[in-house]
Amino acid sequence: MAWLFLAIAIVFEIAFALGTNATKGFTKLWPSVFTVLAAAAGVYALSLSLRTLDVAVGYTIWTGVGAVGTVVLASVLYKEKITLPKIASFAAIIAGVILLKFSAAL
């Protein structure tokens, strides 16, 4: 269940990050409400996953996968460019997440 809660937390983390852009500095009511709720739900789901997972593993995966997901979806939703340095950074984050996943099994 911990990995399921972590996956849910990641979805909310991405929603929070993308929603923050839509708030226009928290001047738009409904995007602001959505963003705050997504942030709260993400932290809550993360806390549930950390009942079992080490915080170093859970938090790092949450932020790393959330960052990659945010950049990918921002390129689709907001037409942000994905450059070669961004791709190299994604690869490093993904490699780190994989290594952390395997280290949690040891």
PDB file of N, CA and C in Angstrom:
ATOM      1  N   MET A   1       0.812  -1.208   0.000  1.00  0.00           N
ATOM      2  CA  MET A   1       0.000   0.000   0.000  1.00  0.00           C
ATOM      3  C   MET A   1       0.853   1.269   0.000  1.00  0.00           C
ATOM      4  N   ALA A   2       2.038   1.184   0.579  1.00  0.00           N
ATOM      5  CA  ALA A   2       2.879   2.379   0.660  1.00  0.00           C
ATOM      6  C   ALA A   2       3.200   2.928  -0.734  1.00  0.00           C
ATOM      7  N   TRP A   3       3.484   2.029  -1.669  1.00  0.00           N
ATOM      8  CA  TRP A   3       3.813   2.473  -3.029  1.00  0.00           C
ATOM      9  C   TRP A   3       2.594   3.051  -3.732  1.00  0.00           C
ATOM     10  N   LEU A   4       1.416   2.523  -3.439  1.00  0.00           N
ATOM     11  CA  LEU A   4       0.188   3.088  -4.005  1.00  0.00           C
ATOM     12  C   LEU A   4      -0.042   4.495  -3.467  1.00  0.00           C
ATOM     13  N   PHE A   5       0.125   4.674  -2.154  1.00  0.00           N
ATOM     14  CA  PHE A   5      -0.026   6.013  -1.567  1.00  0.00           C
ATOM     15  C   PHE A   5       1.012   6.973  -2.138  1.00  0.00           C
ATOM     16  N   LEU A   6       2.214   6.470  -2.376  1.00  0.00           N
ATOM     17  CA  LEU A   6       3.244   7.324  -2.963  1.00  0.00           C
ATOM     18  C   LEU A   6       2.871   7.722  -4.390  1.00  0.00           C
ATOM     19  N   ALA A   7       2.328   6.803  -5.163  1.00  0.00           N
ATOM     20  CA  ALA A   7       1.893   7.123  -6.534  1.00  0.00           C
ATOM     21  C   ALA A   7       0.788   8.180  -6.512  1.00  0.00           C
ATOM     22  N   ILE A   8      -0.143   8.042  -5.587  1.00  0.00           N
ATOM     23  CA  ILE A   8      -1.219   9.031  -5.451  1.00  0.00           C
ATOM     24  C   ILE A   8      -0.628  10.385  -5.068  1.00  0.00           C
ATOM     25  N   ALA A   9       0.327  10.376  -4.148  1.00  0.00           N
ATOM     26  CA  ALA A   9       0.977  11.617  -3.727  1.00  0.00           C
ATOM     27  C   ALA A   9       1.680  12.293  -4.901  1.00  0.00           C
ATOM     28  N   ILE A  10       2.289  11.500  -5.770  1.00  0.00           N
ATOM     29  CA  ILE A  10       2.979  12.048  -6.939  1.00  0.00           C
ATOM     30  C   ILE A  10       1.992  12.718  -7.888  1.00  0.00           C
ATOM     31  N   VAL A  11       0.848  12.091  -8.098  1.00  0.00           N
ATOM     32  CA  VAL A  11      -0.175  12.691  -8.967  1.00  0.00           C
ATOM     33  C   VAL A  11      -0.603  14.051  -8.409  1.00  0.00           C
ATOM     34  N   PHE A  12      -0.835  14.108  -7.098  1.00  0.00           N
ATOM     35  CA  PHE A  12      -1.225  15.376  -6.486  1.00  0.00           C
ATOM     36  C   PHE A  12      -0.088  16.395  -6.520  1.00  0.00           C
ATOM     37  N   GLU A  13       1.147  15.940  -6.408  1.00  0.00           N
ATOM     38  CA  GLU A  13       2.303  16.835  -6.493  1.00  0.00           C
ATOM     39  C   GLU A  13       2.362  17.494  -7.873  1.00  0.00           C
ATOM     40  N   ILE A  14       2.144  16.709  -8.903  1.00  0.00           N
ATOM     41  CA  ILE A  14       2.146  17.247 -10.263  1.00  0.00           C
ATOM     42  C   ILE A  14       0.974  18.211 -10.457  1.00  0.00           C
ATOM     43  N   ALA A  15      -0.192  17.834  -9.959  1.00  0.00           N
ATOM     44  CA  ALA A  15      -1.373  18.711 -10.061  1.00  0.00           C
ATOM     45  C   ALA A  15      -1.124  20.024  -9.333  1.00  0.00           C
ATOM     46  N   PHE A  16      -0.493  19.945  -8.160  1.00  0.00           N
ATOM     47  CA  PHE A  16      -0.174  21.143  -7.394  1.00  0.00           C
ATOM     48  C   PHE A  16       0.769  22.059  -8.178  1.00  0.00           C
ATOM     49  N   ALA A  17       1.830  21.491  -8.716  1.00  0.00           N
ATOM     50  CA  ALA A  17       2.810  22.293  -9.441  1.00  0.00           C
ATOM     51  C   ALA A  17       2.202  22.952 -10.675  1.00  0.00           C
ATOM     52  N   LEU A  18       1.439  22.172 -11.435  1.00  0.00           N
ATOM     53  CA  LEU A  18       0.809  22.732 -12.638  1.00  0.00           C
ATOM     54  C   LEU A  18      -0.287  23.729 -12.271  1.00  0.00           C
ATOM     55  N   GLY A  19      -1.006  23.447 -11.202  1.00  0.00           N
ATOM     56  CA  GLY A  19      -2.063  24.353 -10.759  1.00  0.00           C
ATOM     57  C   GLY A  19      -1.524  25.691 -10.303  1.00  0.00           C
ATOM     58  N   THR A  20      -0.332  25.674  -9.721  1.00  0.00           N
ATOM     59  CA  THR A  20       0.260  26.925  -9.249  1.00  0.00           C
ATOM     60  C   THR A  20       0.409  27.925 -10.387  1.00  0.00           C
ATOM     61  N   ASN A  21       0.758  27.453 -11.557  1.00  0.00           N
ATOM     62  CA  ASN A  21       0.877  28.334 -12.715  1.00  0.00           C
ATOM     63  C   ASN A  21      -0.469  28.948 -13.083  1.00  0.00           C
ATOM     64  N   ALA A  22      -1.529  28.164 -12.944  1.00  0.00           N
ATOM     65  CA  ALA A  22      -2.866  28.648 -13.319  1.00  0.00           C
ATOM     66  C   ALA A  22      -3.438  29.649 -12.322  1.00  0.00           C
ATOM     67  N   THR A  23      -2.863  29.735 -11.118  1.00  0.00           N
ATOM     68  CA  THR A  23      -3.410  30.655 -10.113  1.00  0.00           C
ATOM     69  C   THR A  23      -3.090  32.111 -10.415  1.00  0.00           C
ATOM     70  N   LYS A  24      -2.103  32.336 -11.266  1.00  0.00           N
ATOM     71  CA  LYS A  24      -1.638  33.695 -11.584  1.00  0.00           C
ATOM     72  C   LYS A  24      -1.296  34.452 -10.302  1.00  0.00           C
ATOM     73  N   GLY A  25      -0.429  33.828  -9.501  1.00  0.00           N
ATOM     74  CA  GLY A  25      -0.008  34.447  -8.242  1.00  0.00           C
ATOM     75  C   GLY A  25      -1.101  34.396  -7.178  1.00  0.00           C
ATOM     76  N   PHE A  26      -1.911  33.361  -7.228  1.00  0.00           N
ATOM     77  CA  PHE A  26      -3.041  33.165  -6.311  1.00  0.00           C
ATOM     78  C   PHE A  26      -4.043  34.323  -6.380  1.00  0.00           C
ATOM     79  N   THR A  27      -4.225  34.837  -7.594  1.00  0.00           N
ATOM     80  CA  THR A  27      -5.238  35.867  -7.803  1.00  0.00           C
ATOM     81  C   THR A  27      -6.506  35.293  -8.438  1.00  0.00           C
ATOM     82  N   LYS A  28      -6.457  34.056  -8.883  1.00  0.00           N
ATOM     83  CA  LYS A  28      -7.619  33.373  -9.468  1.00  0.00           C
ATOM     84  C   LYS A  28      -8.171  32.404  -8.426  1.00  0.00           C
ATOM     85  N   LEU A  29      -9.441  32.568  -8.048  1.00  0.00           N
ATOM     86  CA  LEU A  29     -10.003  31.817  -6.929  1.00  0.00           C
ATOM     87  C   LEU A  29      -9.974  30.312  -7.141  1.00  0.00           C
ATOM     88  N   TRP A  30     -10.622  29.806  -8.186  1.00  0.00           N
ATOM     89  CA  TRP A  30     -10.771  28.355  -8.315  1.00  0.00           C
ATOM     90  C   TRP A  30      -9.462  27.628  -8.593  1.00  0.00           C
ATOM     91  N   PRO A  31      -8.599  28.161  -9.439  1.00  0.00           N
ATOM     92  CA  PRO A  31      -7.292  27.506  -9.552  1.00  0.00           C
ATOM     93  C   PRO A  31      -6.518  27.525  -8.228  1.00  0.00           C
ATOM     94  N   SER A  32      -6.685  28.577  -7.441  1.00  0.00           N
ATOM     95  CA  SER A  32      -6.021  28.657  -6.138  1.00  0.00           C
ATOM     96  C   SER A  32      -6.568  27.612  -5.177  1.00  0.00           C
ATOM     97  N   VAL A  33      -7.881  27.447  -5.162  1.00  0.00           N
ATOM     98  CA  VAL A  33      -8.501  26.431  -4.309  1.00  0.00           C
ATOM     99  C   VAL A  33      -8.016  25.049  -4.724  1.00  0.00           C
ATOM    100  N   PHE A  34      -8.028  24.778  -6.017  1.00  0.00           N
ATOM    101  CA  PHE A  34      -7.549  23.494  -6.540  1.00  0.00           C
ATOM    102  C   PHE A  34      -6.105  23.242  -6.122  1.00  0.00           C
ATOM    103  N   THR A  35      -5.263  24.243  -6.260  1.00  0.00           N
ATOM    104  CA  THR A  35      -3.846  24.104  -5.961  1.00  0.00           C
ATOM    105  C   THR A  35      -3.609  23.809  -4.484  1.00  0.00           C
ATOM    106  N   VAL A  36      -4.297  24.525  -3.619  1.00  0.00           N
ATOM    107  CA  VAL A  36      -4.143  24.295  -2.176  1.00  0.00           C
ATOM    108  C   VAL A  36      -4.629  22.897  -1.797  1.00  0.00           C
ATOM    109  N   LEU A  37      -5.758  22.478  -2.358  1.00  0.00           N
ATOM    110  CA  LEU A  37      -6.277  21.139  -2.065  1.00  0.00           C
ATOM    111  C   LEU A  37      -5.343  20.049  -2.598  1.00  0.00           C
ATOM    112  N   ALA A  38      -4.800  20.263  -3.787  1.00  0.00           N
ATOM    113  CA  ALA A  38      -3.872  19.282  -4.353  1.00  0.00           C
ATOM    114  C   ALA A  38      -2.608  19.182  -3.497  1.00  0.00           C
ATOM    115  N   ALA A  39      -2.112  20.318  -3.022  1.00  0.00           N
ATOM    116  CA  ALA A  39      -0.926  20.302  -2.159  1.00  0.00           C
ATOM    117  C   ALA A  39      -1.215  19.548  -0.866  1.00  0.00           C
ATOM    118  N   ALA A  40      -2.346  19.834  -0.252  1.00  0.00           N
ATOM    119  CA  ALA A  40      -2.704  19.165   0.998  1.00  0.00           C
ATOM    120  C   ALA A  40      -2.887  17.661   0.790  1.00  0.00           C
ATOM    121  N   ALA A  41      -3.571  17.292  -0.275  1.00  0.00           N
ATOM    122  CA  ALA A  41      -3.794  15.868  -0.554  1.00  0.00           C
ATOM    123  C   ALA A  41      -2.479  15.159  -0.846  1.00  0.00           C
ATOM    124  N   GLY A  42      -1.567  15.828  -1.546  1.00  0.00           N
ATOM    125  CA  GLY A  42      -0.281  15.234  -1.848  1.00  0.00           C
ATOM    126  C   GLY A  42       0.552  14.985  -0.603  1.00  0.00           C
ATOM    127  N   VAL A  43       0.581  15.954   0.284  1.00  0.00           N
ATOM    128  CA  VAL A  43       1.345  15.796   1.523  1.00  0.00           C
ATOM    129  C   VAL A  43       0.705  14.720   2.399  1.00  0.00           C
ATOM    130  N   TYR A  44      -0.624  14.671   2.430  1.00  0.00           N
ATOM    131  CA  TYR A  44      -1.307  13.643   3.223  1.00  0.00           C
ATOM    132  C   TYR A  44      -0.999  12.242   2.681  1.00  0.00           C
ATOM    133  N   ALA A  45      -1.121  12.073   1.352  1.00  0.00           N
ATOM    134  CA  ALA A  45      -0.826  10.763   0.756  1.00  0.00           C
ATOM    135  C   ALA A  45       0.641  10.390   0.975  1.00  0.00           C
ATOM    136  N   LEU A  46       1.534  11.369   0.876  1.00  0.00           N
ATOM    137  CA  LEU A  46       2.943  11.096   1.152  1.00  0.00           C
ATOM    138  C   LEU A  46       3.124  10.624   2.589  1.00  0.00           C
ATOM    139  N   SER A  47       2.442  11.273   3.522  1.00  0.00           N
ATOM    140  CA  SER A  47       2.578  10.878   4.927  1.00  0.00           C
ATOM    141  C   SER A  47       2.102   9.450   5.154  1.00  0.00           C
ATOM    142  N   LEU A  48       1.079   9.036   4.419  1.00  0.00           N
ATOM    143  CA  LEU A  48       0.606   7.651   4.534  1.00  0.00           C
ATOM    144  C   LEU A  48       1.651   6.679   3.998  1.00  0.00           C
ATOM    145  N   SER A  49       2.307   7.053   2.913  1.00  0.00           N
ATOM    146  CA  SER A  49       3.332   6.159   2.357  1.00  0.00           C
ATOM    147  C   SER A  49       4.537   6.066   3.278  1.00  0.00           C
ATOM    148  N   LEU A  50       4.812   7.144   4.011  1.00  0.00           N
ATOM    149  CA  LEU A  50       5.987   7.159   4.880  1.00  0.00           C
ATOM    150  C   LEU A  50       5.782   6.379   6.172  1.00  0.00           C
ATOM    151  N   ARG A  51       4.582   5.856   6.364  1.00  0.00           N
ATOM    152  CA  ARG A  51       4.380   4.944   7.495  1.00  0.00           C
ATOM    153  C   ARG A  51       5.236   3.690   7.316  1.00  0.00           C
ATOM    154  N   THR A  52       5.466   3.323   6.060  1.00  0.00           N
ATOM    155  CA  THR A  52       6.222   2.111   5.740  1.00  0.00           C
ATOM    156  C   THR A  52       7.576   2.425   5.107  1.00  0.00           C
ATOM    157  N   LEU A  53       7.591   3.354   4.171  1.00  0.00           N
ATOM    158  CA  LEU A  53       8.830   3.677   3.447  1.00  0.00           C
ATOM    159  C   LEU A  53       9.730   4.573   4.282  1.00  0.00           C
ATOM    160  N   ASP A  54      11.025   4.448   4.059  1.00  0.00           N
ATOM    161  CA  ASP A  54      11.967   5.392   4.658  1.00  0.00           C
ATOM    162  C   ASP A  54      11.706   6.772   4.073  1.00  0.00           C
ATOM    163  N   VAL A  55      11.821   7.805   4.885  1.00  0.00           N
ATOM    164  CA  VAL A  55      11.564   9.157   4.408  1.00  0.00           C
ATOM    165  C   VAL A  55      12.540   9.537   3.294  1.00  0.00           C
ATOM    166  N   ALA A  56      13.783   9.093   3.384  1.00  0.00           N
ATOM    167  CA  ALA A  56      14.760   9.414   2.345  1.00  0.00           C
ATOM    168  C   ALA A  56      14.347   8.837   0.995  1.00  0.00           C
ATOM    169  N   VAL A  57      13.764   7.670   1.006  1.00  0.00           N
ATOM    170  CA  VAL A  57      13.310   7.033  -0.233  1.00  0.00           C
ATOM    171  C   VAL A  57      12.006   7.667  -0.710  1.00  0.00           C
ATOM    172  N   GLY A  58      11.014   7.713   0.160  1.00  0.00           N
ATOM    173  CA  GLY A  58       9.694   8.212  -0.232  1.00  0.00           C
ATOM    174  C   GLY A  58       9.703   9.656  -0.692  1.00  0.00           C
ATOM    175  N   TYR A  59      10.346  10.517   0.077  1.00  0.00           N
ATOM    176  CA  TYR A  59      10.352  11.936  -0.263  1.00  0.00           C
ATOM    177  C   TYR A  59      11.129  12.192  -1.548  1.00  0.00           C
ATOM    178  N   THR A  60      12.261  11.526  -1.695  1.00  0.00           N
ATOM    179  CA  THR A  60      13.071  11.731  -2.894  1.00  0.00           C
ATOM    180  C   THR A  60      12.343  11.252  -4.144  1.00  0.00           C
ATOM    181  N   ILE A  61      11.691  10.121  -4.062  1.00  0.00           N
ATOM    182  CA  ILE A  61      10.923   9.629  -5.208  1.00  0.00           C
ATOM    183  C   ILE A  61       9.751  10.569  -5.495  1.00  0.00           C
ATOM    184  N   TRP A  62       9.079  11.023  -4.447  1.00  0.00           N
ATOM    185  CA  TRP A  62       7.943  11.946  -4.604  1.00  0.00           C
ATOM    186  C   TRP A  62       8.366  13.212  -5.345  1.00  0.00           C
ATOM    187  N   THR A  63       9.445  13.817  -4.906  1.00  0.00           N
ATOM    188  CA  THR A  63       9.876  15.053  -5.555  1.00  0.00           C
ATOM    189  C   THR A  63      10.478  14.795  -6.935  1.00  0.00           C
ATOM    190  N   GLY A  64      11.247  13.710  -7.079  1.00  0.00           N
ATOM    191  CA  GLY A  64      11.888  13.435  -8.362  1.00  0.00           C
ATOM    192  C   GLY A  64      10.906  13.093  -9.464  1.00  0.00           C
ATOM    193  N   VAL A  65      10.027  12.139  -9.178  1.00  0.00           N
ATOM    194  CA  VAL A  65       9.034  11.753 -10.188  1.00  0.00           C
ATOM    195  C   VAL A  65       8.046  12.895 -10.409  1.00  0.00           C
ATOM    196  N   GLY A  66       7.717  13.605  -9.336  1.00  0.00           N
ATOM    197  CA  GLY A  66       6.838  14.773  -9.482  1.00  0.00           C
ATOM    198  C   GLY A  66       7.451  15.827 -10.376  1.00  0.00           C
ATOM    199  N   ALA A  67       8.756  16.048 -10.234  1.00  0.00           N
ATOM    200  CA  ALA A  67       9.439  17.043 -11.073  1.00  0.00           C
ATOM    201  C   ALA A  67       9.444  16.626 -12.539  1.00  0.00           C
ATOM    202  N   VAL A  68       9.760  15.371 -12.796  1.00  0.00           N
ATOM    203  CA  VAL A  68       9.768  14.886 -14.183  1.00  0.00           C
ATOM    204  C   VAL A  68       8.367  14.971 -14.772  1.00  0.00           C
ATOM    205  N   GLY A  69       7.374  14.514 -14.033  1.00  0.00           N
ATOM    206  CA  GLY A  69       5.992  14.578 -14.516  1.00  0.00           C
ATOM    207  C   GLY A  69       5.533  16.002 -14.769  1.00  0.00           C
ATOM    208  N   THR A  70       5.946  16.910 -13.906  1.00  0.00           N
ATOM    209  CA  THR A  70       5.572  18.315 -14.075  1.00  0.00           C
ATOM    210  C   THR A  70       6.179  18.891 -15.340  1.00  0.00           C
ATOM    211  N   VAL A  71       7.443  18.602 -15.595  1.00  0.00           N
ATOM    212  CA  VAL A  71       8.097  19.144 -16.791  1.00  0.00           C
ATOM    213  C   VAL A  71       7.467  18.567 -18.052  1.00  0.00           C
ATOM    214  N   VAL A  72       7.192  17.268 -18.048  1.00  0.00           N
ATOM    215  CA  VAL A  72       6.586  16.641 -19.229  1.00  0.00           C
ATOM    216  C   VAL A  72       5.192  17.218 -19.489  1.00  0.00           C
ATOM    217  N   LEU A  73       4.370  17.286 -18.451  1.00  0.00           N
ATOM    218  CA  LEU A  73       3.013  17.819 -18.647  1.00  0.00           C
ATOM    219  C   LEU A  73       3.011  19.318 -18.936  1.00  0.00           C
ATOM    220  N   ALA A  74       3.962  20.055 -18.368  1.00  0.00           N
ATOM    221  CA  ALA A  74       4.060  21.487 -18.670  1.00  0.00           C
ATOM    222  C   ALA A  74       4.397  21.701 -20.140  1.00  0.00           C
ATOM    223  N   SER A  75       5.171  20.784 -20.706  1.00  0.00           N
ATOM    224  CA  SER A  75       5.482  20.917 -22.134  1.00  0.00           C
ATOM    225  C   SER A  75       4.239  20.706 -22.987  1.00  0.00           C
ATOM    226  N   VAL A  76       3.337  19.858 -22.516  1.00  0.00           N
ATOM    227  CA  VAL A  76       2.093  19.606 -23.254  1.00  0.00           C
ATOM    228  C   VAL A  76       1.071  20.717 -23.003  1.00  0.00           C
ATOM    229  N   LEU A  77       0.853  21.039 -21.740  1.00  0.00           N
ATOM    230  CA  LEU A  77      -0.196  21.999 -21.388  1.00  0.00           C
ATOM    231  C   LEU A  77       0.193  23.446 -21.636  1.00  0.00           C
ATOM    232  N   TYR A  78       1.447  23.788 -21.328  1.00  0.00           N
ATOM    233  CA  TYR A  78       1.883  25.181 -21.408  1.00  0.00           C
ATOM    234  C   TYR A  78       2.874  25.429 -22.532  1.00  0.00           C
ATOM    235  N   LYS A  79       3.102  24.412 -23.360  1.00  0.00           N
ATOM    236  CA  LYS A  79       3.996  24.513 -24.526  1.00  0.00           C
ATOM    237  C   LYS A  79       5.429  24.899 -24.144  1.00  0.00           C
ATOM    238  N   GLU A  80       5.869  24.457 -22.964  1.00  0.00           N
ATOM    239  CA  GLU A  80       7.251  24.692 -22.561  1.00  0.00           C
ATOM    240  C   GLU A  80       8.158  23.732 -23.327  1.00  0.00           C
ATOM    241  N   LYS A  81       9.339  24.192 -23.686  1.00  0.00           N
ATOM    242  CA  LYS A  81      10.254  23.388 -24.486  1.00  0.00           C
ATOM    243  C   LYS A  81      11.026  22.403 -23.616  1.00  0.00           C
ATOM    244  N   ILE A  82      11.207  21.205 -24.151  1.00  0.00           N
ATOM    245  CA  ILE A  82      12.057  20.208 -23.509  1.00  0.00           C
ATOM    246  C   ILE A  82      13.376  20.200 -24.277  1.00  0.00           C
ATOM    247  N   THR A  83      14.423  20.637 -23.615  1.00  0.00           N
ATOM    248  CA  THR A  83      15.739  20.762 -24.229  1.00  0.00           C
ATOM    249  C   THR A  83      16.613  19.563 -23.860  1.00  0.00           C
ATOM    250  N   LEU A  84      17.753  19.468 -24.520  1.00  0.00           N
ATOM    251  CA  LEU A  84      18.689  18.384 -24.237  1.00  0.00           C
ATOM    252  C   LEU A  84      19.145  18.389 -22.772  1.00  0.00           C
ATOM    253  N   PRO A  85      19.481  19.546 -22.191  1.00  0.00           N
ATOM    254  CA  PRO A  85      19.840  19.537 -20.771  1.00  0.00           C
ATOM    255  C   PRO A  85      18.684  19.045 -19.877  1.00  0.00           C
ATOM    256  N   LYS A  86      17.448  19.379 -20.223  1.00  0.00           N
ATOM    257  CA  LYS A  86      16.307  18.882 -19.454  1.00  0.00           C
ATOM    258  C   LYS A  86      16.204  17.360 -19.573  1.00  0.00           C
ATOM    259  N   ILE A  87      16.414  16.836 -20.776  1.00  0.00           N
ATOM    260  CA  ILE A  87      16.355  15.384 -20.975  1.00  0.00           C
ATOM    261  C   ILE A  87      17.441  14.692 -20.160  1.00  0.00           C
ATOM    262  N   ALA A  88      18.649  15.254 -20.154  1.00  0.00           N
ATOM    263  CA  ALA A  88      19.739  14.679 -19.354  1.00  0.00           C
ATOM    264  C   ALA A  88      19.384  14.707 -17.869  1.00  0.00           C
ATOM    265  N   SER A  89      18.769  15.785 -17.431  1.00  0.00           N
ATOM    266  CA  SER A  89      18.352  15.891 -16.038  1.00  0.00           C
ATOM    267  C   SER A  89      17.283  14.867 -15.700  1.00  0.00           C
ATOM    268  N   PHE A  90      16.321  14.666 -16.612  1.00  0.00           N
ATOM    269  CA  PHE A  90      15.284  13.643 -16.394  1.00  0.00           C
ATOM    270  C   PHE A  90      15.918  12.270 -16.229  1.00  0.00           C
ATOM    271  N   ALA A  91      16.875  11.979 -17.104  1.00  0.00           N
ATOM    272  CA  ALA A  91      17.534  10.670 -17.056  1.00  0.00           C
ATOM    273  C   ALA A  91      18.237  10.479 -15.714  1.00  0.00           C
ATOM    274  N   ALA A  92      18.879  11.519 -15.215  1.00  0.00           N
ATOM    275  CA  ALA A  92      19.563  11.422 -13.921  1.00  0.00           C
ATOM    276  C   ALA A  92      18.548  11.210 -12.793  1.00  0.00           C
ATOM    277  N   ILE A  93      17.438  11.917 -12.845  1.00  0.00           N
ATOM    278  CA  ILE A  93      16.408  11.761 -11.814  1.00  0.00           C
ATOM    279  C   ILE A  93      15.823  10.355 -11.858  1.00  0.00           C
ATOM    280  N   ILE A  94      15.506   9.885 -13.047  1.00  0.00           N
ATOM    281  CA  ILE A  94      14.921   8.546 -13.192  1.00  0.00           C
ATOM    282  C   ILE A  94      15.901   7.481 -12.717  1.00  0.00           C
ATOM    283  N   ALA A  95      17.175   7.638 -13.047  1.00  0.00           N
ATOM    284  CA  ALA A  95      18.182   6.679 -12.581  1.00  0.00           C
ATOM    285  C   ALA A  95      18.261   6.687 -11.059  1.00  0.00           C
ATOM    286  N   GLY A  96      18.199   7.854 -10.476  1.00  0.00           N
ATOM    287  CA  GLY A  96      18.220   7.961  -9.023  1.00  0.00           C
ATOM    288  C   GLY A  96      17.008   7.312  -8.375  1.00  0.00           C
ATOM    289  N   VAL A  97      15.838   7.515  -8.964  1.00  0.00           N
ATOM    290  CA  VAL A  97      14.616   6.914  -8.442  1.00  0.00           C
ATOM    291  C   VAL A  97      14.710   5.381  -8.514  1.00  0.00           C
ATOM    292  N   ILE A  98      15.203   4.865  -9.620  1.00  0.00           N
ATOM    293  CA  ILE A  98      15.350   3.410  -9.771  1.00  0.00           C
ATOM    294  C   ILE A  98      16.308   2.850  -8.721  1.00  0.00           C
ATOM    295  N   LEU A  99      17.437   3.536  -8.539  1.00  0.00           N
ATOM    296  CA  LEU A  99      18.392   3.082  -7.533  1.00  0.00           C
ATOM    297  C   LEU A  99      17.791   3.133  -6.126  1.00  0.00           C
ATOM    298  N   LEU A 100      17.030   4.169  -5.821  1.00  0.00           N
ATOM    299  CA  LEU A 100      16.389   4.252  -4.516  1.00  0.00           C
ATOM    300  C   LEU A 100      15.369   3.136  -4.319  1.00  0.00           C
ATOM    301  N   LYS A 101      14.620   2.842  -5.373  1.00  0.00           N
ATOM    302  CA  LYS A 101      13.618   1.760  -5.289  1.00  0.00           C
ATOM    303  C   LYS A 101      14.302   0.448  -4.951  1.00  0.00           C
ATOM    304  N   PHE A 102      15.418   0.169  -5.620  1.00  0.00           N
ATOM    305  CA  PHE A 102      16.135  -1.074  -5.355  1.00  0.00           C
ATOM    306  C   PHE A 102      16.798  -1.067  -3.982  1.00  0.00           C
ATOM    307  N   SER A 103      17.258   0.093  -3.540  1.00  0.00           N
ATOM    308  CA  SER A 103      17.886   0.153  -2.231  1.00  0.00           C
ATOM    309  C   SER A 103      16.876  -0.071  -1.115  1.00  0.00           C
ATOM    310  N   ALA A 104      15.619   0.298  -1.362  1.00  0.00           N
ATOM    311  CA  ALA A 104      14.556   0.077  -0.359  1.00  0.00           C
ATOM    312  C   ALA A 104      14.274  -1.411  -0.170  1.00  0.00           C
ATOM    313  N   ALA A 105      14.562  -2.209  -1.199  1.00  0.00           N
ATOM    314  CA  ALA A 105      14.294  -3.650  -1.123  1.00  0.00           C
ATOM    315  C   ALA A 105      15.388  -4.394  -0.360  1.00  0.00           C
ATOM    316  N   LEU A 106      16.514  -3.744  -0.158  1.00  0.00           N
ATOM    317  CA  LEU A 106      17.652  -4.410   0.519  1.00  0.00           C
ATOM    318  C   LEU A 106      17.471  -4.427   2.020  1.00  0.00           C
TER     319      LEU A 106
END
